[in-house]
């Protein structure tokens, strides 16, 4: 029998208008997304993303990249308070890092897991309290969408078409219905939206 805790699985990702989470040049090809990351709409969006979350779930690439950036923001008294709030939360919260290559956790309060994402997240959902945030890691979000385990999607859509690169929503996902819980558009045309799974 599955335990019901009321924990939601939430996921956060920035996408281009053609649905890519990076351009054709690989994971570092973020030129269509970075210009929108520090707008007022983006910062308010970031504040909503981690609200109520008590566990961060990350792929290895993001865990290592975030480690090189967010702890310094958490310690920077001059950083935007919204950025600093998120950074402090990320540093202090429980983190689960998916990796097939790491042997030890790259962060404090983190553990490395080499197992199917859907199984691990289903186990997390059955224990504890607070939301489980899959934080900008498409490699983890995709299998959770395929298993219909995502309860809330935080999407930042940047108004650029890159014409290549991986998409979040690939063919073969199960049909699902979502409702808009929040929607906001910024001066540069960036759109922050929250979608809740209609079950």
N, C-alpha and C. Protein backbone atom coordinates (compact mmCIF):
# COMPACT_ATOMS: atom_id res chain seq x y z
N UNK A 1 0.83 -1.19 0.00
CA UNK A 1 0.00 0.00 0.00
C UNK A 1 0.88 1.26 0.00
N UNK A 2 0.56 2.21 -0.88
CA UNK A 2 1.34 3.44 -1.01
C UNK A 2 0.89 4.45 0.05
N UNK A 3 1.85 5.04 0.73
CA UNK A 3 1.54 6.08 1.71
C UNK A 3 1.21 7.38 0.98
N UNK A 4 0.19 8.08 1.44
CA UNK A 4 -0.17 9.37 0.86
C UNK A 4 0.26 10.46 1.83
N UNK A 5 1.20 11.31 1.40
CA UNK A 5 1.72 12.36 2.27
C UNK A 5 1.21 13.74 1.87
N UNK A 6 0.68 13.86 0.66
CA UNK A 6 0.28 15.17 0.17
C UNK A 6 1.43 15.94 -0.45
N UNK A 7 2.61 15.33 -0.54
CA UNK A 7 3.76 16.00 -1.16
C UNK A 7 3.52 16.15 -2.66
N UNK A 8 3.76 17.35 -3.17
CA UNK A 8 3.67 17.56 -4.61
C UNK A 8 5.05 17.46 -5.24
N UNK A 9 5.07 16.97 -6.47
CA UNK A 9 6.29 17.00 -7.26
C UNK A 9 6.17 18.19 -8.21
N UNK A 10 7.08 19.15 -8.04
CA UNK A 10 7.06 20.34 -8.89
C UNK A 10 8.33 20.33 -9.74
N UNK A 11 8.27 20.96 -10.90
CA UNK A 11 9.42 21.00 -11.79
C UNK A 11 9.56 22.40 -12.36
N UNK A 12 10.80 22.82 -12.53
CA UNK A 12 11.11 24.17 -13.00
C UNK A 12 12.05 24.08 -14.19
N UNK A 13 11.70 24.78 -15.30
CA UNK A 13 12.60 24.80 -16.45
C UNK A 13 12.32 26.02 -17.30
N UNK A 14 13.38 26.57 -17.88
CA UNK A 14 13.25 27.66 -18.85
C UNK A 14 13.34 27.07 -20.25
N UNK A 15 12.46 27.55 -21.12
CA UNK A 15 12.39 27.03 -22.49
C UNK A 15 12.37 28.17 -23.49
N UNK A 16 12.82 27.89 -24.70
CA UNK A 16 12.65 28.83 -25.79
C UNK A 16 11.24 28.67 -26.35
N UNK A 17 10.89 29.56 -27.26
CA UNK A 17 9.56 29.52 -27.85
C UNK A 17 9.32 28.21 -28.61
N UNK A 18 10.37 27.62 -29.15
CA UNK A 18 10.21 26.33 -29.82
C UNK A 18 10.47 25.14 -28.89
N UNK A 19 10.40 25.39 -27.57
CA UNK A 19 10.39 24.30 -26.60
C UNK A 19 11.73 23.70 -26.23
N UNK A 20 12.82 24.38 -26.57
CA UNK A 20 14.16 23.84 -26.27
C UNK A 20 14.67 24.38 -24.93
N UNK A 21 15.41 23.55 -24.20
CA UNK A 21 15.99 24.03 -22.95
C UNK A 21 17.45 24.41 -23.10
N UNK A 22 18.04 24.20 -24.26
CA UNK A 22 19.28 24.85 -24.68
C UNK A 22 19.33 24.75 -26.20
N UNK A 23 20.25 25.51 -26.78
CA UNK A 23 20.33 25.56 -28.23
C UNK A 23 21.08 24.39 -28.83
N UNK A 24 21.28 24.41 -30.16
CA UNK A 24 21.90 23.28 -30.86
C UNK A 24 23.36 23.08 -30.53
N UNK A 25 24.00 24.08 -29.88
CA UNK A 25 25.42 23.97 -29.54
C UNK A 25 25.72 23.15 -28.30
N UNK A 26 24.69 22.58 -27.66
CA UNK A 26 24.91 21.76 -26.47
C UNK A 26 24.48 22.47 -25.20
N UNK A 27 24.69 21.84 -24.04
CA UNK A 27 24.21 22.38 -22.76
C UNK A 27 24.67 23.79 -22.44
N UNK A 28 25.81 24.21 -22.97
CA UNK A 28 26.30 25.55 -22.72
C UNK A 28 25.68 26.61 -23.63
N UNK A 29 24.89 26.17 -24.61
CA UNK A 29 24.27 27.08 -25.58
C UNK A 29 22.97 27.65 -25.00
N UNK A 30 23.13 28.64 -24.12
CA UNK A 30 21.99 29.20 -23.39
C UNK A 30 21.71 30.66 -23.79
N UNK A 31 22.22 31.07 -24.94
CA UNK A 31 22.11 32.45 -25.38
C UNK A 31 20.68 32.95 -25.55
N UNK A 32 19.75 32.04 -25.79
CA UNK A 32 18.35 32.44 -25.96
C UNK A 32 17.60 32.49 -24.63
N UNK A 33 18.23 32.04 -23.55
CA UNK A 33 17.56 31.97 -22.24
C UNK A 33 18.17 32.95 -21.24
N UNK A 34 19.50 33.06 -21.23
CA UNK A 34 20.20 33.88 -20.24
C UNK A 34 19.73 35.34 -20.19
N UNK A 35 19.47 36.01 -21.34
CA UNK A 35 19.06 37.42 -21.26
C UNK A 35 17.77 37.66 -20.46
N UNK A 36 16.98 36.62 -20.27
CA UNK A 36 15.69 36.76 -19.58
C UNK A 36 15.75 36.29 -18.13
N UNK A 37 16.91 35.80 -17.69
CA UNK A 37 17.01 35.16 -16.37
C UNK A 37 16.99 36.14 -15.20
N UNK A 38 17.28 37.41 -15.45
CA UNK A 38 17.34 38.36 -14.34
C UNK A 38 16.30 39.48 -14.46
N UNK A 39 15.27 39.26 -15.25
CA UNK A 39 14.20 40.26 -15.34
C UNK A 39 13.36 40.21 -14.07
N UNK A 40 12.54 41.23 -13.87
CA UNK A 40 11.66 41.25 -12.70
C UNK A 40 10.72 40.04 -12.71
N UNK A 41 10.18 39.71 -13.87
CA UNK A 41 9.27 38.56 -13.98
C UNK A 41 10.02 37.27 -13.63
N UNK A 42 11.25 37.13 -14.12
CA UNK A 42 12.04 35.93 -13.84
C UNK A 42 12.36 35.81 -12.35
N UNK A 43 12.67 36.94 -11.71
CA UNK A 43 13.01 36.89 -10.29
C UNK A 43 11.78 36.57 -9.44
N UNK A 44 10.63 37.12 -9.81
CA UNK A 44 9.40 36.75 -9.08
C UNK A 44 9.08 35.28 -9.30
N UNK A 45 9.30 34.81 -10.50
CA UNK A 45 9.08 33.41 -10.85
C UNK A 45 9.97 32.51 -9.99
N UNK A 46 11.24 32.88 -9.88
CA UNK A 46 12.19 32.10 -9.07
C UNK A 46 11.73 32.02 -7.62
N UNK A 47 11.18 33.12 -7.10
CA UNK A 47 10.69 33.12 -5.71
C UNK A 47 9.54 32.15 -5.54
N UNK A 48 8.68 32.04 -6.54
CA UNK A 48 7.55 31.10 -6.46
C UNK A 48 7.98 29.65 -6.60
N UNK A 49 9.04 29.42 -7.37
CA UNK A 49 9.49 28.06 -7.68
C UNK A 49 9.79 27.25 -6.42
N UNK A 50 10.53 27.86 -5.47
CA UNK A 50 10.98 27.08 -4.31
C UNK A 50 10.07 27.24 -3.09
N UNK A 51 9.06 28.07 -3.21
CA UNK A 51 8.11 28.28 -2.11
C UNK A 51 7.43 26.97 -1.73
N UNK A 52 7.57 26.56 -0.50
CA UNK A 52 6.94 25.33 -0.03
C UNK A 52 7.74 24.06 -0.29
N UNK A 53 8.87 24.17 -1.00
CA UNK A 53 9.67 22.97 -1.30
C UNK A 53 10.65 22.69 -0.17
N UNK A 54 10.79 21.41 0.16
CA UNK A 54 11.71 21.00 1.21
C UNK A 54 12.79 20.04 0.69
N UNK A 55 12.67 19.63 -0.57
CA UNK A 55 13.64 18.75 -1.20
C UNK A 55 13.92 19.25 -2.61
N UNK A 56 15.20 19.35 -2.96
CA UNK A 56 15.59 19.71 -4.33
C UNK A 56 16.12 18.45 -5.02
N UNK A 57 15.65 18.21 -6.22
CA UNK A 57 16.12 17.07 -7.02
C UNK A 57 16.85 17.64 -8.23
N UNK A 58 18.06 17.15 -8.46
CA UNK A 58 18.91 17.70 -9.52
C UNK A 58 19.59 16.59 -10.30
N UNK A 59 19.81 16.83 -11.58
CA UNK A 59 20.72 15.99 -12.35
C UNK A 59 22.15 16.39 -12.02
N UNK A 60 23.10 15.54 -12.35
CA UNK A 60 24.50 15.79 -12.02
C UNK A 60 25.01 17.10 -12.60
N UNK A 61 24.73 17.36 -13.88
CA UNK A 61 25.25 18.56 -14.53
C UNK A 61 24.80 19.83 -13.80
N UNK A 62 23.51 19.90 -13.45
CA UNK A 62 23.01 21.07 -12.74
C UNK A 62 23.57 21.14 -11.32
N UNK A 63 23.67 20.01 -10.66
CA UNK A 63 24.20 20.01 -9.29
C UNK A 63 25.61 20.61 -9.28
N UNK A 64 26.43 20.20 -10.22
CA UNK A 64 27.81 20.70 -10.26
C UNK A 64 27.85 22.17 -10.70
N UNK A 65 27.01 22.52 -11.69
CA UNK A 65 26.98 23.91 -12.16
C UNK A 65 26.44 24.86 -11.09
N UNK A 66 25.37 24.44 -10.42
CA UNK A 66 24.77 25.27 -9.36
C UNK A 66 25.75 25.48 -8.22
N UNK A 67 26.53 24.43 -7.90
CA UNK A 67 27.49 24.51 -6.80
C UNK A 67 28.52 25.61 -7.06
N UNK A 68 28.83 25.81 -8.33
CA UNK A 68 29.81 26.84 -8.68
C UNK A 68 29.24 28.25 -8.67
N UNK A 69 27.92 28.39 -8.51
CA UNK A 69 27.30 29.70 -8.61
C UNK A 69 26.50 30.12 -7.38
N UNK A 70 25.54 29.29 -6.96
CA UNK A 70 24.57 29.72 -5.95
C UNK A 70 25.11 29.91 -4.54
N UNK A 71 26.07 29.11 -4.04
CA UNK A 71 26.58 29.39 -2.68
C UNK A 71 27.16 30.79 -2.53
N UNK A 72 27.83 31.29 -3.59
CA UNK A 72 28.39 32.65 -3.53
C UNK A 72 27.26 33.69 -3.47
N UNK A 73 26.16 33.44 -4.17
CA UNK A 73 25.02 34.35 -4.13
C UNK A 73 24.41 34.35 -2.73
N UNK A 74 24.32 33.18 -2.12
CA UNK A 74 23.76 33.06 -0.76
C UNK A 74 24.56 33.90 0.23
N UNK A 75 25.85 34.01 0.01
CA UNK A 75 26.73 34.73 0.93
C UNK A 75 26.88 36.22 0.58
N UNK A 76 26.35 36.63 -0.57
CA UNK A 76 26.53 38.00 -1.06
C UNK A 76 25.42 38.92 -0.53
N UNK A 77 25.79 39.79 0.41
CA UNK A 77 24.81 40.70 1.01
C UNK A 77 24.24 41.71 0.01
N UNK A 78 24.92 41.89 -1.12
CA UNK A 78 24.48 42.85 -2.12
C UNK A 78 23.66 42.22 -3.24
N UNK A 79 23.49 40.90 -3.20
CA UNK A 79 22.72 40.22 -4.24
C UNK A 79 21.23 40.59 -4.12
N UNK A 80 20.51 40.47 -5.22
CA UNK A 80 19.07 40.70 -5.18
C UNK A 80 18.47 39.78 -4.10
N UNK A 81 17.62 40.31 -3.22
CA UNK A 81 17.08 39.48 -2.12
C UNK A 81 16.35 38.23 -2.61
N UNK A 82 15.73 38.30 -3.78
CA UNK A 82 15.02 37.12 -4.32
C UNK A 82 16.02 36.05 -4.74
N UNK A 83 17.11 36.48 -5.38
CA UNK A 83 18.15 35.53 -5.77
C UNK A 83 18.80 34.92 -4.53
N UNK A 84 19.04 35.79 -3.54
CA UNK A 84 19.71 35.33 -2.32
C UNK A 84 18.81 34.36 -1.53
N UNK A 85 17.51 34.65 -1.51
CA UNK A 85 16.57 33.75 -0.83
C UNK A 85 16.58 32.37 -1.44
N UNK A 86 16.53 32.32 -2.77
CA UNK A 86 16.58 31.03 -3.46
C UNK A 86 17.92 30.34 -3.19
N UNK A 87 19.01 31.09 -3.29
CA UNK A 87 20.34 30.51 -3.09
C UNK A 87 20.49 29.92 -1.69
N UNK A 88 20.03 30.64 -0.68
CA UNK A 88 20.11 30.12 0.70
C UNK A 88 19.27 28.86 0.85
N UNK A 89 18.07 28.88 0.26
CA UNK A 89 17.23 27.69 0.32
C UNK A 89 17.94 26.51 -0.32
N UNK A 90 18.52 26.71 -1.50
CA UNK A 90 19.17 25.62 -2.23
C UNK A 90 20.36 25.06 -1.44
N UNK A 91 21.13 25.93 -0.83
CA UNK A 91 22.29 25.49 -0.05
C UNK A 91 21.84 24.68 1.18
N UNK A 92 20.77 25.14 1.84
CA UNK A 92 20.36 24.56 3.12
C UNK A 92 19.43 23.36 3.01
N UNK A 93 18.73 23.19 1.89
CA UNK A 93 17.72 22.16 1.80
C UNK A 93 18.30 20.78 1.50
N UNK A 94 17.51 19.75 1.72
CA UNK A 94 17.89 18.39 1.33
C UNK A 94 17.96 18.33 -0.19
N UNK A 95 19.04 17.72 -0.72
CA UNK A 95 19.20 17.59 -2.16
C UNK A 95 19.42 16.13 -2.54
N UNK A 96 18.75 15.73 -3.63
CA UNK A 96 18.95 14.40 -4.20
C UNK A 96 19.53 14.63 -5.60
N UNK A 97 20.72 14.07 -5.85
CA UNK A 97 21.42 14.27 -7.12
C UNK A 97 21.46 12.96 -7.88
N UNK A 98 20.90 12.96 -9.08
CA UNK A 98 20.92 11.78 -9.93
C UNK A 98 22.21 11.75 -10.73
N UNK A 99 22.94 10.64 -10.65
CA UNK A 99 24.18 10.50 -11.40
C UNK A 99 24.55 9.03 -11.54
N UNK A 100 25.13 8.71 -12.69
CA UNK A 100 25.67 7.36 -12.88
C UNK A 100 27.19 7.38 -12.70
N UNK A 101 27.77 8.57 -12.50
CA UNK A 101 29.24 8.67 -12.44
C UNK A 101 29.78 9.17 -11.10
N UNK A 102 29.01 10.00 -10.38
CA UNK A 102 29.51 10.52 -9.10
C UNK A 102 29.55 9.42 -8.05
N UNK A 103 30.59 9.46 -7.22
CA UNK A 103 30.68 8.50 -6.12
C UNK A 103 30.38 9.16 -4.78
N UNK A 104 30.51 10.50 -4.73
CA UNK A 104 30.14 11.21 -3.51
C UNK A 104 29.41 12.49 -3.87
N UNK A 105 28.60 12.97 -2.95
CA UNK A 105 27.76 14.13 -3.20
C UNK A 105 28.61 15.39 -3.35
N UNK A 106 28.28 16.24 -4.35
CA UNK A 106 29.04 17.47 -4.55
C UNK A 106 28.65 18.60 -3.60
N UNK A 107 27.58 18.43 -2.83
CA UNK A 107 27.07 19.46 -1.92
C UNK A 107 26.92 18.87 -0.52
N UNK A 108 26.88 19.77 0.47
CA UNK A 108 26.43 19.35 1.79
C UNK A 108 24.92 19.12 1.72
N UNK A 109 24.42 18.29 2.64
CA UNK A 109 22.99 17.95 2.69
C UNK A 109 22.48 17.40 1.35
N UNK A 110 23.33 16.61 0.70
CA UNK A 110 22.96 16.01 -0.59
C UNK A 110 23.34 14.54 -0.57
N UNK A 111 22.58 13.77 -1.35
CA UNK A 111 22.95 12.36 -1.55
C UNK A 111 22.86 12.04 -3.03
N UNK A 112 23.74 11.19 -3.48
CA UNK A 112 23.79 10.78 -4.89
C UNK A 112 22.98 9.50 -5.05
N UNK A 113 22.17 9.47 -6.11
CA UNK A 113 21.33 8.31 -6.38
C UNK A 113 21.57 7.86 -7.83
N UNK A 114 21.76 6.57 -8.01
CA UNK A 114 21.87 5.99 -9.35
C UNK A 114 20.75 4.97 -9.47
N UNK A 115 19.55 5.45 -9.81
CA UNK A 115 18.35 4.61 -9.90
C UNK A 115 17.36 5.35 -10.79
N UNK A 116 16.32 4.65 -11.27
CA UNK A 116 15.33 5.34 -12.11
C UNK A 116 14.65 6.49 -11.36
N UNK A 117 14.58 7.65 -12.01
CA UNK A 117 14.03 8.86 -11.38
C UNK A 117 12.61 8.64 -10.87
N UNK A 118 11.79 7.96 -11.65
CA UNK A 118 10.39 7.76 -11.25
C UNK A 118 10.30 6.96 -9.95
N UNK A 119 11.15 5.96 -9.79
CA UNK A 119 11.13 5.14 -8.57
C UNK A 119 11.57 5.96 -7.35
N UNK A 120 12.65 6.72 -7.51
CA UNK A 120 13.19 7.49 -6.41
C UNK A 120 12.19 8.57 -5.98
N UNK A 121 11.61 9.28 -6.96
CA UNK A 121 10.69 10.37 -6.63
C UNK A 121 9.40 9.82 -6.04
N UNK A 122 8.93 8.67 -6.51
CA UNK A 122 7.74 8.04 -5.92
C UNK A 122 8.01 7.71 -4.45
N UNK A 123 9.23 7.24 -4.14
CA UNK A 123 9.60 6.96 -2.75
C UNK A 123 9.66 8.24 -1.92
N UNK A 124 10.23 9.30 -2.48
CA UNK A 124 10.29 10.59 -1.77
C UNK A 124 8.88 11.09 -1.47
N UNK A 125 7.99 10.92 -2.44
CA UNK A 125 6.62 11.41 -2.31
C UNK A 125 5.87 10.68 -1.18
N UNK A 126 6.29 9.47 -0.90
CA UNK A 126 5.60 8.65 0.10
C UNK A 126 6.06 8.92 1.53
N UNK A 127 7.10 9.77 1.68
CA UNK A 127 7.61 10.07 3.02
C UNK A 127 7.86 11.56 3.15
N UNK A 128 7.90 12.05 4.36
CA UNK A 128 8.24 13.44 4.60
C UNK A 128 7.11 14.40 4.30
N UNK A 129 7.47 15.69 4.19
CA UNK A 129 6.48 16.73 3.92
C UNK A 129 7.12 17.81 3.08
N UNK A 130 6.30 18.66 2.49
CA UNK A 130 6.79 19.73 1.63
C UNK A 130 6.94 19.27 0.20
N UNK A 131 6.98 20.25 -0.71
CA UNK A 131 7.11 19.92 -2.12
C UNK A 131 8.49 19.37 -2.45
N UNK A 132 8.54 18.59 -3.52
CA UNK A 132 9.78 18.06 -4.07
C UNK A 132 10.01 18.82 -5.37
N UNK A 133 11.04 19.66 -5.43
CA UNK A 133 11.30 20.48 -6.60
C UNK A 133 12.37 19.85 -7.47
N UNK A 134 12.00 19.50 -8.69
CA UNK A 134 12.97 19.05 -9.68
C UNK A 134 13.47 20.31 -10.37
N UNK A 135 14.70 20.66 -10.06
CA UNK A 135 15.21 22.00 -10.30
C UNK A 135 16.00 22.12 -11.60
N UNK A 136 15.33 22.54 -12.67
CA UNK A 136 15.97 22.85 -13.96
C UNK A 136 16.72 21.66 -14.56
N UNK A 137 16.35 20.46 -14.23
CA UNK A 137 17.06 19.28 -14.71
C UNK A 137 16.15 18.47 -15.63
N UNK A 138 16.26 18.75 -16.94
CA UNK A 138 15.41 18.08 -17.92
C UNK A 138 15.61 16.57 -17.90
N UNK A 139 16.84 16.12 -17.60
CA UNK A 139 17.11 14.68 -17.59
C UNK A 139 16.29 13.95 -16.52
N UNK A 140 15.85 14.68 -15.51
CA UNK A 140 15.01 14.09 -14.46
C UNK A 140 13.53 14.39 -14.73
N UNK A 141 13.25 15.60 -15.21
CA UNK A 141 11.85 15.97 -15.47
C UNK A 141 11.22 15.07 -16.53
N UNK A 142 11.97 14.75 -17.59
CA UNK A 142 11.41 13.95 -18.69
C UNK A 142 10.87 12.59 -18.22
N UNK A 143 11.65 11.80 -17.48
CA UNK A 143 11.09 10.51 -17.04
C UNK A 143 9.93 10.66 -16.05
N UNK A 144 9.92 11.76 -15.29
CA UNK A 144 8.80 11.98 -14.37
C UNK A 144 7.53 12.35 -15.13
N UNK A 145 7.66 13.14 -16.22
CA UNK A 145 6.50 13.42 -17.07
C UNK A 145 6.00 12.13 -17.72
N UNK A 146 6.93 11.29 -18.15
CA UNK A 146 6.55 10.02 -18.79
C UNK A 146 5.80 9.12 -17.81
N UNK A 147 6.13 9.22 -16.52
CA UNK A 147 5.46 8.40 -15.49
C UNK A 147 4.27 9.14 -14.87
N UNK A 148 3.95 10.32 -15.37
CA UNK A 148 2.86 11.16 -14.86
C UNK A 148 3.00 11.42 -13.35
N UNK A 149 4.22 11.77 -12.95
CA UNK A 149 4.49 12.05 -11.54
C UNK A 149 4.62 13.54 -11.23
N UNK A 150 4.58 14.40 -12.24
CA UNK A 150 4.73 15.84 -12.00
C UNK A 150 3.36 16.44 -11.70
N UNK A 151 3.27 17.15 -10.56
CA UNK A 151 2.01 17.77 -10.15
C UNK A 151 1.94 19.24 -10.53
N UNK A 152 3.09 19.88 -10.65
CA UNK A 152 3.11 21.32 -10.98
C UNK A 152 4.33 21.60 -11.85
N UNK A 153 4.12 22.38 -12.92
CA UNK A 153 5.20 22.80 -13.81
C UNK A 153 5.37 24.31 -13.72
N UNK A 154 6.58 24.74 -13.41
CA UNK A 154 6.95 26.15 -13.45
C UNK A 154 7.76 26.34 -14.74
N UNK A 155 7.20 27.04 -15.71
CA UNK A 155 7.89 27.22 -16.97
C UNK A 155 8.16 28.71 -17.22
N UNK A 156 9.37 29.00 -17.64
CA UNK A 156 9.74 30.34 -18.09
C UNK A 156 9.97 30.22 -19.59
N UNK A 157 9.13 30.87 -20.38
CA UNK A 157 9.23 30.77 -21.84
C UNK A 157 9.85 32.05 -22.38
N UNK A 158 10.99 31.88 -23.05
CA UNK A 158 11.75 33.01 -23.59
C UNK A 158 11.37 33.18 -25.07
N UNK A 159 11.10 34.42 -25.51
CA UNK A 159 10.54 34.63 -26.84
C UNK A 159 11.58 34.58 -27.96
N UNK A 160 12.28 33.46 -28.04
CA UNK A 160 13.25 33.25 -29.11
C UNK A 160 13.12 31.82 -29.64
N UNK A 161 13.32 31.67 -30.93
CA UNK A 161 13.34 30.35 -31.57
C UNK A 161 14.79 30.04 -31.89
N UNK A 162 15.27 28.89 -31.42
CA UNK A 162 16.67 28.54 -31.66
C UNK A 162 16.83 27.52 -32.78
N UNK A 163 15.76 26.80 -33.11
CA UNK A 163 15.79 25.92 -34.27
C UNK A 163 16.49 24.59 -34.09
N UNK A 164 17.02 24.33 -32.91
CA UNK A 164 17.69 23.06 -32.66
C UNK A 164 17.98 22.91 -31.18
N UNK A 165 18.33 21.71 -30.77
CA UNK A 165 18.57 21.43 -29.36
C UNK A 165 17.44 20.57 -28.81
N UNK A 166 17.63 19.99 -27.64
CA UNK A 166 16.63 19.07 -27.08
C UNK A 166 15.38 19.78 -26.60
N UNK A 167 14.26 19.08 -26.72
CA UNK A 167 12.97 19.60 -26.26
C UNK A 167 12.57 18.90 -24.96
N UNK A 168 11.82 19.62 -24.12
CA UNK A 168 11.29 19.01 -22.91
C UNK A 168 10.17 18.04 -23.24
N UNK A 169 9.24 18.49 -24.07
CA UNK A 169 8.06 17.68 -24.38
C UNK A 169 8.30 16.90 -25.67
N UNK A 170 8.76 15.68 -25.51
CA UNK A 170 9.04 14.84 -26.66
C UNK A 170 7.83 13.98 -27.01
N UNK A 171 7.81 13.47 -28.23
CA UNK A 171 6.75 12.56 -28.63
C UNK A 171 6.74 11.33 -27.72
N UNK A 172 5.56 10.79 -27.49
CA UNK A 172 5.44 9.56 -26.70
C UNK A 172 5.05 9.78 -25.26
N UNK A 173 4.92 11.04 -24.82
CA UNK A 173 4.46 11.28 -23.45
C UNK A 173 2.99 10.87 -23.34
N UNK A 174 2.56 10.43 -22.15
CA UNK A 174 1.14 10.12 -21.99
C UNK A 174 0.32 11.40 -22.07
N UNK A 175 -0.88 11.34 -22.65
CA UNK A 175 -1.74 12.53 -22.69
C UNK A 175 -2.12 12.94 -21.26
N UNK A 176 -1.98 14.21 -20.96
CA UNK A 176 -2.34 14.73 -19.63
C UNK A 176 -2.98 16.10 -19.81
N UNK A 177 -3.76 16.50 -18.82
CA UNK A 177 -4.43 17.80 -18.86
C UNK A 177 -3.89 18.66 -17.73
N UNK A 178 -3.70 19.96 -18.01
CA UNK A 178 -3.12 20.89 -17.06
C UNK A 178 -3.99 22.14 -16.98
N UNK A 179 -3.95 22.80 -15.83
CA UNK A 179 -4.66 24.08 -15.72
C UNK A 179 -3.66 25.17 -15.31
N UNK A 180 -3.91 26.38 -15.78
CA UNK A 180 -3.01 27.49 -15.49
C UNK A 180 -3.29 28.01 -14.08
N UNK A 181 -2.26 28.01 -13.24
CA UNK A 181 -2.38 28.53 -11.88
C UNK A 181 -1.83 29.95 -11.77
N UNK A 182 -0.95 30.31 -12.69
CA UNK A 182 -0.37 31.67 -12.69
C UNK A 182 0.22 31.93 -14.07
N UNK A 183 0.16 33.21 -14.48
CA UNK A 183 0.69 33.58 -15.79
C UNK A 183 1.11 35.04 -15.73
N UNK A 184 2.31 35.35 -16.19
CA UNK A 184 2.81 36.71 -16.13
C UNK A 184 3.79 36.92 -17.28
N UNK A 185 3.68 38.04 -17.97
CA UNK A 185 4.56 38.35 -19.09
C UNK A 185 5.36 39.61 -18.78
N UNK A 186 6.65 39.56 -19.09
CA UNK A 186 7.54 40.68 -18.80
C UNK A 186 7.73 41.60 -19.99
N UNK A 187 8.47 42.67 -19.76
CA UNK A 187 8.69 43.69 -20.78
C UNK A 187 9.48 43.20 -21.98
N UNK A 188 10.29 42.18 -21.81
CA UNK A 188 11.06 41.64 -22.93
C UNK A 188 10.29 40.54 -23.67
N UNK A 189 9.06 40.25 -23.21
CA UNK A 189 8.25 39.21 -23.84
C UNK A 189 8.40 37.85 -23.19
N UNK A 190 9.20 37.77 -22.12
CA UNK A 190 9.34 36.50 -21.39
C UNK A 190 8.04 36.21 -20.63
N UNK A 191 7.68 34.94 -20.58
CA UNK A 191 6.44 34.56 -19.91
C UNK A 191 6.74 33.54 -18.82
N UNK A 192 6.30 33.85 -17.61
CA UNK A 192 6.40 32.91 -16.49
C UNK A 192 5.01 32.31 -16.28
N UNK A 193 4.95 31.00 -16.26
CA UNK A 193 3.65 30.34 -16.09
C UNK A 193 3.78 29.17 -15.13
N UNK A 194 2.70 28.93 -14.39
CA UNK A 194 2.61 27.76 -13.53
C UNK A 194 1.42 26.94 -14.01
N UNK A 195 1.67 25.66 -14.26
CA UNK A 195 0.61 24.75 -14.67
C UNK A 195 0.46 23.65 -13.62
N UNK A 196 -0.75 23.40 -13.20
CA UNK A 196 -1.03 22.31 -12.26
C UNK A 196 -1.66 21.16 -13.00
N UNK A 197 -1.22 19.97 -12.67
CA UNK A 197 -1.78 18.76 -13.29
C UNK A 197 -3.23 18.61 -12.85
N UNK A 198 -4.14 18.49 -13.79
CA UNK A 198 -5.56 18.27 -13.49
C UNK A 198 -5.79 16.78 -13.44
N UNK A 199 -6.02 16.27 -12.22
CA UNK A 199 -6.15 14.81 -12.06
C UNK A 199 -7.59 14.45 -11.75
